Amino acid sequence: MAGAVAVTVAVAAGPGPGVTGYVSEAGVTDSGYAGAYRIGVFALAAALLLLAAALPPALRAAAALLLAGAAGTALSGAVACSTGCPLPPFEAATVADLVHGGASIAATAAVVFAMLALLRHPAAGRALRRVAGVGAALALPLSGAVGVAMLLVGRGGLVGVLERLLLAVAAGWGLVTAAVLGLAHRRS
């Protein structure tokens, strides 16, 4: 929760272009909120590690996807993009931009695939599967819409809003999943 709050504060309070830009623009090196953004991203990576560790051993595929998501998130926080976080095909990007963007996309995809892995595994139990089902039902169309919008439209309000919605779904899914796991542990 703290990581999501730190990133949200950095994005909302930072000097970035508002919803027409990428969330990552809050972490650009010369931003006054880059430190808060990076701390938040690293906290989110740690949260994904903890969530992976909290899953029962039978759910190792979902745990492995969450570990991959944590690694991508940490790499995304470690490598800042340049001003504007340019991405192809509409903008010229640096190597750091490509690494940051690729790590961010891979991390988000890994989390969405972890939702699907939990949804499909009977050992996840009814509550975890239900939460994963809701998360996947929201995240899959948003993921597709973000990808298509980035390729066809590029930077702008549409991509900015879709990206924020997708990240909110992923964070919300993680929080609810952690709560379900915590309640199950408390009962046993």
N, C-alpha and C. Protein backbone atom coordinates (compact mmCIF):
# COMPACT_ATOMS: atom_id res chain seq x y z
N MET A 1 0.83 -1.18 0.00
CA MET A 1 0.00 0.00 0.00
C MET A 1 0.88 1.25 0.00
N ALA A 2 1.94 1.23 0.80
CA ALA A 2 2.83 2.39 0.89
C ALA A 2 3.47 2.69 -0.45
N GLY A 3 3.85 1.66 -1.19
CA GLY A 3 4.46 1.88 -2.51
C GLY A 3 3.50 2.53 -3.47
N ALA A 4 2.26 2.06 -3.49
CA ALA A 4 1.26 2.65 -4.38
C ALA A 4 0.98 4.10 -4.00
N VAL A 5 0.95 4.37 -2.72
CA VAL A 5 0.72 5.75 -2.27
C VAL A 5 1.89 6.65 -2.67
N ALA A 6 3.12 6.18 -2.48
CA ALA A 6 4.29 6.99 -2.83
C ALA A 6 4.33 7.29 -4.32
N VAL A 7 4.04 6.30 -5.16
CA VAL A 7 4.03 6.53 -6.60
C VAL A 7 2.90 7.49 -6.97
N THR A 8 1.73 7.31 -6.38
CA THR A 8 0.59 8.18 -6.67
C THR A 8 0.89 9.62 -6.30
N VAL A 9 1.50 9.82 -5.13
CA VAL A 9 1.86 11.19 -4.71
C VAL A 9 2.87 11.79 -5.68
N ALA A 10 3.87 11.02 -6.06
CA ALA A 10 4.89 11.53 -6.99
C ALA A 10 4.27 11.90 -8.34
N VAL A 11 3.34 11.08 -8.80
CA VAL A 11 2.70 11.36 -10.09
C VAL A 11 1.77 12.57 -9.98
N ALA A 12 0.98 12.61 -8.93
CA ALA A 12 0.00 13.71 -8.78
C ALA A 12 0.66 15.05 -8.46
N ALA A 13 1.70 15.03 -7.64
CA ALA A 13 2.32 16.29 -7.20
C ALA A 13 3.46 16.73 -8.11
N GLY A 14 3.99 15.81 -8.88
CA GLY A 14 5.14 16.13 -9.72
C GLY A 14 4.82 17.07 -10.86
N PRO A 15 5.85 17.54 -11.52
CA PRO A 15 5.68 18.52 -12.58
C PRO A 15 5.31 17.91 -13.93
N GLY A 16 5.01 16.62 -13.96
CA GLY A 16 4.73 15.94 -15.22
C GLY A 16 3.51 16.49 -15.94
N PRO A 17 3.21 15.90 -17.10
CA PRO A 17 2.15 16.40 -17.96
C PRO A 17 0.74 15.95 -17.56
N GLY A 18 0.56 15.51 -16.33
CA GLY A 18 -0.77 15.06 -15.92
C GLY A 18 -1.12 13.73 -16.56
N VAL A 19 -2.40 13.54 -16.86
CA VAL A 19 -2.83 12.24 -17.38
C VAL A 19 -2.44 12.03 -18.85
N THR A 20 -1.88 13.02 -19.49
CA THR A 20 -1.47 12.83 -20.88
C THR A 20 -0.10 12.18 -20.98
N GLY A 21 0.60 12.03 -19.88
CA GLY A 21 1.92 11.41 -19.89
C GLY A 21 1.89 10.05 -19.24
N TYR A 22 3.04 9.41 -19.23
CA TYR A 22 3.18 8.11 -18.59
C TYR A 22 3.42 8.29 -17.09
N VAL A 23 3.03 7.30 -16.31
CA VAL A 23 3.28 7.32 -14.87
C VAL A 23 4.77 7.45 -14.61
N SER A 24 5.59 6.79 -15.40
CA SER A 24 7.04 6.78 -15.23
C SER A 24 7.68 8.15 -15.30
N GLU A 25 7.00 9.12 -15.88
CA GLU A 25 7.58 10.46 -15.99
C GLU A 25 7.83 11.09 -14.63
N ALA A 26 7.16 10.61 -13.60
CA ALA A 26 7.41 11.12 -12.24
C ALA A 26 8.79 10.70 -11.74
N GLY A 27 9.39 9.68 -12.37
CA GLY A 27 10.69 9.18 -11.94
C GLY A 27 11.86 9.70 -12.74
N VAL A 28 11.61 10.63 -13.67
CA VAL A 28 12.70 11.21 -14.45
C VAL A 28 13.68 11.87 -13.49
N THR A 29 14.97 11.71 -13.76
CA THR A 29 16.02 12.13 -12.84
C THR A 29 15.89 13.56 -12.35
N ASP A 30 15.52 14.50 -13.21
CA ASP A 30 15.45 15.89 -12.76
C ASP A 30 14.11 16.28 -12.14
N SER A 31 13.22 15.33 -11.94
CA SER A 31 11.94 15.59 -11.26
C SER A 31 12.19 15.70 -9.76
N GLY A 32 11.53 16.65 -9.14
CA GLY A 32 11.65 16.81 -7.69
C GLY A 32 11.04 15.65 -6.91
N TYR A 33 10.25 14.82 -7.60
CA TYR A 33 9.58 13.71 -6.94
C TYR A 33 10.16 12.36 -7.35
N ALA A 34 11.31 12.37 -8.02
CA ALA A 34 11.93 11.12 -8.48
C ALA A 34 12.24 10.19 -7.32
N GLY A 35 12.70 10.73 -6.21
CA GLY A 35 13.02 9.89 -5.05
C GLY A 35 11.78 9.19 -4.50
N ALA A 36 10.70 9.93 -4.34
CA ALA A 36 9.46 9.33 -3.85
C ALA A 36 8.95 8.28 -4.83
N TYR A 37 9.06 8.59 -6.11
CA TYR A 37 8.63 7.65 -7.14
C TYR A 37 9.43 6.35 -7.04
N ARG A 38 10.76 6.47 -6.98
CA ARG A 38 11.61 5.27 -6.93
C ARG A 38 11.37 4.46 -5.65
N ILE A 39 11.25 5.14 -4.53
CA ILE A 39 10.96 4.42 -3.27
C ILE A 39 9.65 3.66 -3.40
N GLY A 40 8.65 4.31 -3.99
CA GLY A 40 7.37 3.65 -4.19
C GLY A 40 7.47 2.45 -5.09
N VAL A 41 8.22 2.57 -6.19
CA VAL A 41 8.37 1.46 -7.12
C VAL A 41 9.11 0.30 -6.46
N PHE A 42 10.16 0.61 -5.70
CA PHE A 42 10.89 -0.47 -5.00
C PHE A 42 10.01 -1.12 -3.93
N ALA A 43 9.16 -0.34 -3.28
CA ALA A 43 8.22 -0.91 -2.30
C ALA A 43 7.22 -1.84 -2.99
N LEU A 44 6.79 -1.45 -4.19
CA LEU A 44 5.88 -2.32 -4.95
C LEU A 44 6.58 -3.61 -5.36
N ALA A 45 7.85 -3.53 -5.74
CA ALA A 45 8.61 -4.74 -6.07
C ALA A 45 8.71 -5.66 -4.85
N ALA A 46 8.97 -5.07 -3.69
CA ALA A 46 9.04 -5.86 -2.46
C ALA A 46 7.68 -6.49 -2.14
N ALA A 47 6.61 -5.75 -2.38
CA ALA A 47 5.27 -6.28 -2.13
C ALA A 47 4.99 -7.49 -3.03
N LEU A 48 5.43 -7.44 -4.28
CA LEU A 48 5.25 -8.58 -5.17
C LEU A 48 6.05 -9.79 -4.68
N LEU A 49 7.25 -9.55 -4.17
CA LEU A 49 8.05 -10.64 -3.59
C LEU A 49 7.34 -11.27 -2.39
N LEU A 50 6.82 -10.42 -1.53
CA LEU A 50 6.11 -10.92 -0.34
C LEU A 50 4.85 -11.68 -0.73
N LEU A 51 4.14 -11.18 -1.72
CA LEU A 51 2.93 -11.87 -2.18
C LEU A 51 3.30 -13.24 -2.75
N ALA A 52 4.38 -13.31 -3.52
CA ALA A 52 4.83 -14.59 -4.07
C ALA A 52 5.18 -15.56 -2.94
N ALA A 53 5.85 -15.07 -1.92
CA ALA A 53 6.23 -15.92 -0.79
C ALA A 53 5.03 -16.39 0.01
N ALA A 54 3.97 -15.61 0.03
CA ALA A 54 2.78 -15.96 0.81
C ALA A 54 1.90 -17.00 0.13
N LEU A 55 2.10 -17.21 -1.16
CA LEU A 55 1.27 -18.20 -1.87
C LEU A 55 1.64 -19.61 -1.43
N PRO A 56 0.65 -20.49 -1.35
CA PRO A 56 0.93 -21.89 -1.02
C PRO A 56 1.87 -22.52 -2.05
N PRO A 57 2.66 -23.52 -1.64
CA PRO A 57 3.63 -24.15 -2.55
C PRO A 57 3.02 -24.70 -3.83
N ALA A 58 1.78 -25.13 -3.81
CA ALA A 58 1.14 -25.68 -5.01
C ALA A 58 0.95 -24.63 -6.09
N LEU A 59 1.03 -23.37 -5.73
CA LEU A 59 0.80 -22.28 -6.68
C LEU A 59 2.12 -21.69 -7.16
N ARG A 60 3.10 -22.55 -7.41
CA ARG A 60 4.44 -22.07 -7.76
C ARG A 60 4.49 -21.34 -9.10
N ALA A 61 3.60 -21.65 -10.04
CA ALA A 61 3.61 -20.93 -11.32
C ALA A 61 3.21 -19.46 -11.09
N ALA A 62 2.19 -19.25 -10.29
CA ALA A 62 1.78 -17.87 -9.98
C ALA A 62 2.88 -17.16 -9.19
N ALA A 63 3.50 -17.88 -8.26
CA ALA A 63 4.59 -17.28 -7.48
C ALA A 63 5.77 -16.91 -8.39
N ALA A 64 6.09 -17.76 -9.35
CA ALA A 64 7.19 -17.46 -10.28
C ALA A 64 6.86 -16.23 -11.12
N LEU A 65 5.62 -16.10 -11.54
CA LEU A 65 5.22 -14.92 -12.30
C LEU A 65 5.31 -13.66 -11.44
N LEU A 66 4.94 -13.77 -10.18
CA LEU A 66 5.06 -12.60 -9.29
C LEU A 66 6.53 -12.25 -9.05
N LEU A 67 7.40 -13.26 -8.96
CA LEU A 67 8.84 -13.00 -8.85
C LEU A 67 9.35 -12.28 -10.09
N ALA A 68 8.91 -12.71 -11.25
CA ALA A 68 9.29 -12.03 -12.49
C ALA A 68 8.76 -10.60 -12.49
N GLY A 69 7.54 -10.42 -12.01
CA GLY A 69 6.97 -9.08 -11.91
C GLY A 69 7.76 -8.21 -10.96
N ALA A 70 8.21 -8.78 -9.86
CA ALA A 70 9.03 -8.02 -8.90
C ALA A 70 10.36 -7.62 -9.53
N ALA A 71 10.97 -8.53 -10.27
CA ALA A 71 12.25 -8.21 -10.91
C ALA A 71 12.08 -7.10 -11.95
N GLY A 72 11.03 -7.20 -12.75
CA GLY A 72 10.77 -6.15 -13.73
C GLY A 72 10.46 -4.82 -13.09
N THR A 73 9.73 -4.85 -12.00
CA THR A 73 9.40 -3.62 -11.28
C THR A 73 10.66 -2.99 -10.71
N ALA A 74 11.52 -3.81 -10.11
CA ALA A 74 12.77 -3.29 -9.56
C ALA A 74 13.66 -2.70 -10.65
N LEU A 75 13.74 -3.37 -11.79
CA LEU A 75 14.53 -2.85 -12.90
C LEU A 75 13.94 -1.53 -13.41
N SER A 76 12.63 -1.47 -13.47
CA SER A 76 11.95 -0.24 -13.89
C SER A 76 12.27 0.91 -12.95
N GLY A 77 12.36 0.63 -11.66
CA GLY A 77 12.70 1.67 -10.69
C GLY A 77 14.17 2.05 -10.72
N ALA A 78 15.02 1.10 -11.09
CA ALA A 78 16.46 1.35 -11.10
C ALA A 78 16.92 2.12 -12.33
N VAL A 79 16.21 1.95 -13.44
CA VAL A 79 16.59 2.61 -14.69
C VAL A 79 15.55 3.68 -15.01
N ALA A 80 15.95 4.92 -14.86
CA ALA A 80 15.03 6.03 -15.14
C ALA A 80 14.98 6.30 -16.64
N CYS A 81 13.81 6.67 -17.09
CA CYS A 81 13.70 7.06 -18.50
C CYS A 81 14.08 8.53 -18.64
N SER A 82 14.33 8.96 -19.87
CA SER A 82 14.67 10.36 -20.10
C SER A 82 13.38 11.19 -20.07
N THR A 83 13.52 12.49 -20.11
CA THR A 83 12.38 13.39 -20.03
C THR A 83 11.34 13.02 -21.08
N GLY A 84 10.10 12.84 -20.62
CA GLY A 84 9.02 12.45 -21.50
C GLY A 84 8.86 10.96 -21.67
N CYS A 85 9.81 10.18 -21.20
CA CYS A 85 9.79 8.72 -21.34
C CYS A 85 9.38 8.30 -22.76
N PRO A 86 10.14 8.76 -23.77
CA PRO A 86 9.75 8.46 -25.15
C PRO A 86 9.82 6.97 -25.46
N LEU A 87 8.86 6.54 -26.25
CA LEU A 87 8.82 5.15 -26.70
C LEU A 87 8.49 5.11 -28.19
N PRO A 88 9.03 4.13 -28.90
CA PRO A 88 8.68 3.97 -30.30
C PRO A 88 7.20 3.56 -30.40
N PRO A 89 6.53 3.70 -31.46
CA PRO A 89 7.02 4.03 -32.78
C PRO A 89 6.96 5.54 -33.09
N PHE A 90 6.43 6.34 -32.17
CA PHE A 90 6.23 7.76 -32.47
C PHE A 90 7.35 8.67 -31.99
N GLU A 91 8.21 8.16 -31.10
CA GLU A 91 9.25 9.00 -30.51
C GLU A 91 10.58 8.26 -30.55
N ALA A 92 11.67 9.02 -30.62
CA ALA A 92 13.01 8.44 -30.56
C ALA A 92 13.35 8.16 -29.10
N ALA A 93 13.74 6.93 -28.81
CA ALA A 93 14.00 6.51 -27.43
C ALA A 93 15.47 6.18 -27.23
N THR A 94 15.94 6.41 -26.00
CA THR A 94 17.30 6.02 -25.63
C THR A 94 17.27 4.56 -25.17
N VAL A 95 18.44 4.00 -24.95
CA VAL A 95 18.53 2.63 -24.42
C VAL A 95 17.85 2.57 -23.06
N ALA A 96 18.09 3.57 -22.20
CA ALA A 96 17.46 3.59 -20.87
C ALA A 96 15.94 3.65 -21.00
N ASP A 97 15.43 4.42 -21.96
CA ASP A 97 13.98 4.47 -22.17
C ASP A 97 13.42 3.09 -22.52
N LEU A 98 14.13 2.40 -23.40
CA LEU A 98 13.69 1.07 -23.83
C LEU A 98 13.77 0.05 -22.69
N VAL A 99 14.85 0.11 -21.91
CA VAL A 99 14.98 -0.80 -20.76
C VAL A 99 13.88 -0.51 -19.75
N HIS A 100 13.70 0.76 -19.41
CA HIS A 100 12.68 1.12 -18.43
C HIS A 100 11.29 0.72 -18.93
N GLY A 101 10.96 1.09 -20.16
CA GLY A 101 9.65 0.77 -20.71
C GLY A 101 9.42 -0.72 -20.83
N GLY A 102 10.43 -1.44 -21.32
CA GLY A 102 10.31 -2.89 -21.45
C GLY A 102 10.14 -3.58 -20.11
N ALA A 103 10.91 -3.13 -19.11
CA ALA A 103 10.79 -3.72 -17.77
C ALA A 103 9.41 -3.44 -17.17
N SER A 104 8.91 -2.23 -17.38
CA SER A 104 7.58 -1.87 -16.86
C SER A 104 6.49 -2.70 -17.50
N ILE A 105 6.57 -2.84 -18.82
CA ILE A 105 5.57 -3.63 -19.54
C ILE A 105 5.65 -5.10 -19.13
N ALA A 106 6.86 -5.64 -19.04
CA ALA A 106 7.04 -7.05 -18.65
C ALA A 106 6.53 -7.29 -17.23
N ALA A 107 6.80 -6.36 -16.32
CA ALA A 107 6.35 -6.51 -14.94
C ALA A 107 4.83 -6.53 -14.86
N THR A 108 4.20 -5.62 -15.56
CA THR A 108 2.73 -5.57 -15.55
C THR A 108 2.15 -6.84 -16.17
N ALA A 109 2.73 -7.27 -17.28
CA ALA A 109 2.26 -8.50 -17.92
C ALA A 109 2.41 -9.70 -16.99
N ALA A 110 3.51 -9.79 -16.27
CA ALA A 110 3.73 -10.91 -15.35
C ALA A 110 2.68 -10.93 -14.25
N VAL A 111 2.31 -9.76 -13.75
CA VAL A 111 1.28 -9.70 -12.71
C VAL A 111 -0.07 -10.14 -13.28
N VAL A 112 -0.40 -9.70 -14.48
CA VAL A 112 -1.67 -10.12 -15.10
C VAL A 112 -1.66 -11.62 -15.34
N PHE A 113 -0.54 -12.17 -15.80
CA PHE A 113 -0.46 -13.62 -16.00
C PHE A 113 -0.53 -14.37 -14.67
N ALA A 114 -0.04 -13.78 -13.59
CA ALA A 114 -0.17 -14.41 -12.27
C ALA A 114 -1.65 -14.49 -11.87
N MET A 115 -2.41 -13.47 -12.20
CA MET A 115 -3.86 -13.51 -11.96
C MET A 115 -4.47 -14.71 -12.69
N LEU A 116 -4.10 -14.87 -13.96
CA LEU A 116 -4.63 -15.98 -14.75
C LEU A 116 -4.19 -17.33 -14.20
N ALA A 117 -2.95 -17.42 -13.74
CA ALA A 117 -2.46 -18.67 -13.16
C ALA A 117 -3.25 -19.04 -11.91
N LEU A 118 -3.57 -18.06 -11.08
CA LEU A 118 -4.37 -18.33 -9.89
C LEU A 118 -5.80 -18.69 -10.26
N LEU A 119 -6.33 -18.02 -11.24
CA LEU A 119 -7.70 -18.27 -11.68
C LEU A 119 -7.86 -19.71 -12.15
N ARG A 120 -6.87 -20.24 -12.82
CA ARG A 120 -6.97 -21.56 -13.44
C ARG A 120 -6.54 -22.71 -12.53
N HIS A 121 -5.96 -22.43 -11.37
CA HIS A 121 -5.43 -23.51 -10.52
C HIS A 121 -6.40 -23.85 -9.39
N PRO A 122 -6.88 -25.09 -9.33
CA PRO A 122 -7.83 -25.47 -8.29
C PRO A 122 -7.27 -25.34 -6.87
N ALA A 123 -5.95 -25.46 -6.72
CA ALA A 123 -5.36 -25.36 -5.39
C ALA A 123 -5.41 -23.94 -4.84
N ALA A 124 -5.75 -22.98 -5.67
CA ALA A 124 -5.82 -21.60 -5.20
C ALA A 124 -6.98 -21.40 -4.24
N GLY A 125 -7.99 -22.23 -4.33
CA GLY A 125 -9.15 -22.06 -3.47
C GLY A 125 -10.13 -21.05 -4.08
N ARG A 126 -11.32 -21.12 -3.59
CA ARG A 126 -12.40 -20.32 -4.17
C ARG A 126 -12.18 -18.82 -4.04
N ALA A 127 -11.77 -18.37 -2.88
CA ALA A 127 -11.62 -16.92 -2.64
C ALA A 127 -10.52 -16.33 -3.52
N LEU A 128 -9.35 -16.98 -3.56
CA LEU A 128 -8.25 -16.48 -4.40
C LEU A 128 -8.62 -16.52 -5.88
N ARG A 129 -9.32 -17.57 -6.28
CA ARG A 129 -9.72 -17.67 -7.68
C ARG A 129 -10.74 -16.59 -8.04
N ARG A 130 -11.63 -16.29 -7.14
CA ARG A 130 -12.63 -15.24 -7.40
C ARG A 130 -11.94 -13.88 -7.55
N VAL A 131 -11.03 -13.57 -6.65
CA VAL A 131 -10.29 -12.30 -6.72
C VAL A 131 -9.48 -12.24 -8.01
N ALA A 132 -8.82 -13.35 -8.36
CA ALA A 132 -8.04 -13.39 -9.59
C ALA A 132 -8.94 -13.23 -10.81
N GLY A 133 -10.13 -13.80 -10.76
CA GLY A 133 -11.07 -13.68 -11.87
C GLY A 133 -11.51 -12.24 -12.10
N VAL A 134 -11.81 -11.55 -11.02
CA VAL A 134 -12.20 -10.14 -11.14
C VAL A 134 -11.02 -9.32 -11.64
N GLY A 135 -9.84 -9.56 -11.08
CA GLY A 135 -8.64 -8.83 -11.50
C GLY A 135 -8.35 -9.06 -12.98
N ALA A 136 -8.40 -10.30 -13.41
CA ALA A 136 -8.12 -10.62 -14.81
C ALA A 136 -9.19 -10.05 -15.74
N ALA A 137 -10.44 -10.11 -15.31
CA ALA A 137 -11.53 -9.57 -16.15
C ALA A 137 -11.37 -8.07 -16.38
N LEU A 138 -10.79 -7.38 -15.42
CA LEU A 138 -10.54 -5.95 -15.57
C LEU A 138 -9.21 -5.68 -16.27
N ALA A 139 -8.17 -6.45 -15.91
CA ALA A 139 -6.82 -6.18 -16.41
C ALA A 139 -6.61 -6.58 -17.86
N LEU A 140 -7.19 -7.66 -18.30
CA LEU A 140 -6.94 -8.12 -19.67
C LEU A 140 -7.41 -7.12 -20.73
N PRO A 141 -8.66 -6.65 -20.66
CA PRO A 141 -9.05 -5.66 -21.68
C PRO A 141 -8.27 -4.35 -21.56
N LEU A 142 -7.95 -3.94 -20.33
CA LEU A 142 -7.14 -2.73 -20.16
C LEU A 142 -5.75 -2.92 -20.75
N SER A 143 -5.15 -4.08 -20.54
CA SER A 143 -3.82 -4.37 -21.09
C SER A 143 -3.84 -4.29 -22.61
N GLY A 144 -4.83 -4.92 -23.20
CA GLY A 144 -4.96 -4.88 -24.65
C GLY A 144 -5.18 -3.46 -25.16
N ALA A 145 -6.01 -2.72 -24.46
CA ALA A 145 -6.29 -1.34 -24.88
C ALA A 145 -5.05 -0.46 -24.76
N VAL A 146 -4.27 -0.64 -23.70
CA VAL A 146 -3.03 0.13 -23.54
C VAL A 146 -2.08 -0.19 -24.69
N GLY A 147 -1.89 -1.48 -24.97
CA GLY A 147 -0.98 -1.88 -26.04
C GLY A 147 -1.40 -1.32 -27.40
N VAL A 148 -2.66 -1.46 -27.72
CA VAL A 148 -3.15 -0.96 -29.01
C VAL A 148 -3.03 0.56 -29.07
N ALA A 149 -3.41 1.24 -27.99
CA ALA A 149 -3.34 2.71 -27.97
C ALA A 149 -1.91 3.21 -28.09
N MET A 150 -0.96 2.53 -27.44
CA MET A 150 0.45 2.94 -27.54
C MET A 150 0.96 2.80 -28.97
N LEU A 151 0.52 1.75 -29.66
CA LEU A 151 0.98 1.52 -31.03
C LEU A 151 0.27 2.41 -32.05
N LEU A 152 -1.00 2.66 -31.84
CA LEU A 152 -1.77 3.40 -32.84
C LEU A 152 -1.86 4.90 -32.58
N VAL A 153 -1.91 5.28 -31.31
CA VAL A 153 -2.12 6.69 -30.96
C VAL A 153 -0.86 7.33 -30.38
N GLY A 154 -0.13 6.57 -29.56
CA GLY A 154 1.04 7.12 -28.89
C GLY A 154 0.65 7.90 -27.64
N ARG A 155 1.59 8.67 -27.15
CA ARG A 155 1.39 9.42 -25.91
C ARG A 155 0.15 10.30 -26.01
N GLY A 156 -0.57 10.37 -24.90
CA GLY A 156 -1.74 11.24 -24.86
C GLY A 156 -2.67 10.85 -23.73
N GLY A 157 -3.77 11.53 -23.66
CA GLY A 157 -4.73 11.31 -22.59
C GLY A 157 -5.27 9.90 -22.54
N LEU A 158 -5.54 9.30 -23.71
CA LEU A 158 -6.08 7.95 -23.74
C LEU A 158 -5.13 6.95 -23.10
N VAL A 159 -3.87 6.95 -23.52
CA VAL A 159 -2.88 6.03 -22.95
C VAL A 159 -2.66 6.34 -21.48
N GLY A 160 -2.59 7.61 -21.13
CA GLY A 160 -2.37 7.99 -19.73
C GLY A 160 -3.45 7.46 -18.81
N VAL A 161 -4.70 7.62 -19.21
CA VAL A 161 -5.82 7.14 -18.37
C VAL A 161 -5.84 5.61 -18.32
N LEU A 162 -5.68 4.97 -19.47
CA LEU A 162 -5.69 3.51 -19.50
C LEU A 162 -4.56 2.91 -18.67
N GLU A 163 -3.37 3.51 -18.76
CA GLU A 163 -2.23 3.03 -17.97
C GLU A 163 -2.52 3.14 -16.47
N ARG A 164 -3.05 4.27 -16.06
CA ARG A 164 -3.37 4.46 -14.64
C ARG A 164 -4.43 3.49 -14.16
N LEU A 165 -5.45 3.24 -14.98
CA LEU A 165 -6.49 2.27 -14.62
C LEU A 165 -5.90 0.87 -14.48
N LEU A 166 -5.05 0.46 -15.42
CA LEU A 166 -4.43 -0.86 -15.35
C LEU A 166 -3.57 -1.01 -14.11
N LEU A 167 -2.78 0.00 -13.80
CA LEU A 167 -1.93 -0.07 -12.61
C LEU A 167 -2.77 -0.08 -11.33
N ALA A 168 -3.88 0.64 -11.32
CA ALA A 168 -4.77 0.63 -10.16
C ALA A 168 -5.40 -0.75 -9.98
N VAL A 169 -5.78 -1.39 -11.07
CA VAL A 169 -6.34 -2.75 -10.99
C VAL A 169 -5.29 -3.70 -10.44
N ALA A 170 -4.06 -3.63 -10.94
CA ALA A 170 -2.99 -4.52 -10.47
C ALA A 170 -2.72 -4.31 -8.98
N ALA A 171 -2.64 -3.04 -8.56
CA ALA A 171 -2.39 -2.75 -7.14
C ALA A 171 -3.56 -3.22 -6.28
N GLY A 172 -4.78 -2.95 -6.73
CA GLY A 172 -5.96 -3.39 -5.97
C GLY A 172 -6.02 -4.90 -5.87
N TRP A 173 -5.73 -5.59 -6.98
CA TRP A 173 -5.72 -7.05 -6.95
C TRP A 173 -4.69 -7.55 -5.93
N GLY A 174 -3.50 -6.96 -5.95
CA GLY A 174 -2.46 -7.39 -5.01
C GLY A 174 -2.89 -7.19 -3.55
N LEU A 175 -3.51 -6.06 -3.26
CA LEU A 175 -3.95 -5.79 -1.89
C LEU A 175 -5.04 -6.77 -1.45
N VAL A 176 -6.02 -7.00 -2.31
CA VAL A 176 -7.10 -7.92 -1.95
C VAL A 176 -6.58 -9.35 -1.84
N THR A 177 -5.68 -9.74 -2.74
CA THR A 177 -5.10 -11.08 -2.68
C THR A 177 -4.32 -11.27 -1.38
N ALA A 178 -3.54 -10.25 -1.00
CA ALA A 178 -2.81 -10.33 0.27
C ALA A 178 -3.77 -10.44 1.45
N ALA A 179 -4.87 -9.72 1.41
CA ALA A 179 -5.85 -9.79 2.50
C ALA A 179 -6.48 -11.19 2.57
N VAL A 180 -6.81 -11.75 1.42
CA VAL A 180 -7.39 -13.10 1.40
C VAL A 180 -6.40 -14.11 1.96
N LEU A 181 -5.14 -14.00 1.55
CA LEU A 181 -4.11 -14.92 2.07
C LEU A 181 -3.92 -14.73 3.57
N GLY A 182 -3.93 -13.49 4.02
CA GLY A 182 -3.77 -13.21 5.45
C GLY A 182 -4.91 -13.78 6.27
N LEU A 183 -6.13 -13.62 5.79
CA LEU A 183 -7.30 -14.16 6.50
C LEU A 183 -7.26 -15.68 6.53
N ALA A 184 -6.85 -16.30 5.43
CA ALA A 184 -6.76 -17.77 5.38
C ALA A 184 -5.70 -18.26 6.36
N HIS A 185 -4.59 -17.55 6.45
CA HIS A 185 -3.52 -17.94 7.38
C HIS A 185 -3.99 -17.79 8.82
N ARG A 186 -4.72 -16.73 9.10
CA ARG A 186 -5.22 -16.49 10.46
C ARG A 186 -6.18 -17.59 10.88
N ARG A 187 -7.00 -18.06 9.96
CA ARG A 187 -7.99 -19.11 10.27
C ARG A 187 -7.32 -20.47 10.52
N SER A 188 -6.16 -20.69 9.87
CA SER A 188 -5.52 -22.00 10.00
C SER A 188 -4.54 -22.04 11.09
